[in-house]
C-alpha atoms as a PDB file:
ATOM      1  CA  MET A   1     127.505 123.517 104.240  1.00  0.00           C
ATOM      2  CA  VAL A   2     123.964 122.570 104.595  1.00  0.00           C
ATOM      3  CA  LEU A   3     122.174 119.719 103.152  1.00  0.00           C
ATOM      4  CA  THR A   4     119.103 117.678 103.291  1.00  0.00           C
ATOM      5  CA  VAL A   5     117.612 114.642 103.886  1.00  0.00           C
ATOM      6  CA  GLU A   6     114.722 113.408 102.773  1.00  0.00           C
ATOM      7  CA  PRO A   7     113.176 110.112 102.847  1.00  0.00           C
ATOM      8  CA  GLY A   8     109.557 109.687 101.956  1.00  0.00           C
ATOM      9  CA  LEU A   9     106.754 106.961 101.465  1.00  0.00           C
ATOM     10  CA  TYR A  10     105.155 106.833  98.335  1.00  0.00           C
ATOM     11  CA  PHE A  11     101.519 105.390  97.072  1.00  0.00           C
ATOM     12  CA  GLN A  12     100.740 104.277  94.116  1.00  0.00           C
ATOM     13  CA  PRO A  13      97.090 105.466  93.463  1.00  0.00           C
ATOM     14  CA  ASP A  14      96.894 101.355  92.513  1.00  0.00           C
ATOM     15  CA  ASP A  15      98.724  99.864  95.234  1.00  0.00           C
ATOM     16  CA  LEU A  16      96.132  97.419  96.659  1.00  0.00           C
ATOM     17  CA  THR A  17      98.755  96.865  99.571  1.00  0.00           C
ATOM     18  CA  VAL A  18      97.964 100.153 101.226  1.00  0.00           C
ATOM     19  CA  PRO A  19      95.013 101.439 102.391  1.00  0.00           C
ATOM     20  CA  GLU A  20      93.101 103.424 100.399  1.00  0.00           C
ATOM     21  CA  GLU A  21      92.913 106.227 102.082  1.00  0.00           C
ATOM     22  CA  TRP A  22      96.555 106.423 101.668  1.00  0.00           C
ATOM     23  CA  ARG A  23      96.770 105.371  97.806  1.00  0.00           C
ATOM     24  CA  GLY A  24      98.189 107.736  95.441  1.00  0.00           C
ATOM     25  CA  ILE A  25      99.744 110.453  98.766  1.00  0.00           C
ATOM     26  CA  GLY A  26     103.886 110.650  99.389  1.00  0.00           C
ATOM     27  CA  VAL A  27     104.755 111.351 103.435  1.00  0.00           C
ATOM     28  CA  ARG A  28     108.507 112.885 103.198  1.00  0.00           C
ATOM     29  CA  ILE A  29     110.308 114.303 106.216  1.00  0.00           C
ATOM     30  CA  GLU A  30     113.043 116.279 105.756  1.00  0.00           C
ATOM     31  CA  ASP A  31     115.622 117.512 107.908  1.00  0.00           C
ATOM     32  CA  ASP A  32     118.205 120.564 106.914  1.00  0.00           C
ATOM     33  CA  LEU A  33     121.742 119.687 108.169  1.00  0.00           C
ATOM     34  CA  LEU A  34     124.395 122.604 108.857  1.00  0.00           C
ATOM     35  CA  VAL A  35     127.971 120.716 108.514  1.00  0.00           C
ATOM     36  CA  THR A  36     131.426 122.818 109.404  1.00  0.00           C
ATOM     37  CA  ASP A  37     134.775 121.823 110.833  1.00  0.00           C
ATOM     38  CA  ASP A  38     133.097 121.820 114.148  1.00  0.00           C
ATOM     39  CA  GLY A  39     130.400 119.626 113.469  1.00  0.00           C
ATOM     40  CA  HIS A  40     127.109 119.971 112.768  1.00  0.00           C
ATOM     41  CA  GLU A  41     124.070 120.820 113.049  1.00  0.00           C
ATOM     42  CA  ASN A  42     120.035 119.685 112.860  1.00  0.00           C
ATOM     43  CA  LEU A  43     118.185 123.149 111.695  1.00  0.00           C
ATOM     44  CA  SER A  44     115.045 121.164 111.047  1.00  0.00           C
ATOM     45  CA  ALA A  45     115.410 119.719 114.905  1.00  0.00           C
ATOM     46  CA  GLY A  46     112.592 121.534 116.750  1.00  0.00           C
ATOM     47  CA  LEU A  47     109.728 121.149 113.720  1.00  0.00           C
ATOM     48  CA  PRO A  48     106.875 118.787 114.505  1.00  0.00           C
ATOM     49  CA  ARG A  49     107.579 115.452 113.367  1.00  0.00           C
ATOM     50  CA  SER A  50     104.682 113.166 114.712  1.00  0.00           C
ATOM     51  CA  ALA A  51     101.353 112.922 113.257  1.00  0.00           C
ATOM     52  CA  ASP A  52      99.656 114.440 116.616  1.00  0.00           C
ATOM     53  CA  GLU A  53     102.214 117.062 116.524  1.00  0.00           C
ATOM     54  CA  VAL A  54     101.997 118.218 112.715  1.00  0.00           C
ATOM     55  CA  GLU A  55      98.490 118.562 113.335  1.00  0.00           C
ATOM     56  CA  ALA A  56      98.429 120.668 116.194  1.00  0.00           C
ATOM     57  CA  TRP A  57     101.029 123.052 114.913  1.00  0.00           C
ATOM     58  CA  MET A  58      98.889 123.058 111.521  1.00  0.00           C
ATOM     59  CA  ALA A  59      95.702 124.153 113.978  1.00  0.00           C
ATOM     60  CA  ARG A  60      97.360 126.816 115.643  1.00  0.00           C
ATOM     61  CA  VAL A  61      99.091 128.796 112.532  1.00  0.00           C
ATOM     62  CA  ALA A  62      95.998 128.234 110.561  1.00  0.00           C
ATOM     63  CA  GLY A  63      94.157 130.588 113.530  1.00  0.00           C
END
């Protein structure tokens, strides 16, 4: 079986408790897990996680 784990943060456009630049956005980090009789494997473990890693990856794929 493969399942998805999707923790996320979603900020409303009028939420004054967060900085203005974050209002109206959502941030989600998703993992795809393979579960077998022998255990499990995180299929997305090799993807970038931190903001710096994501930005560097985006710069590489954008050319």
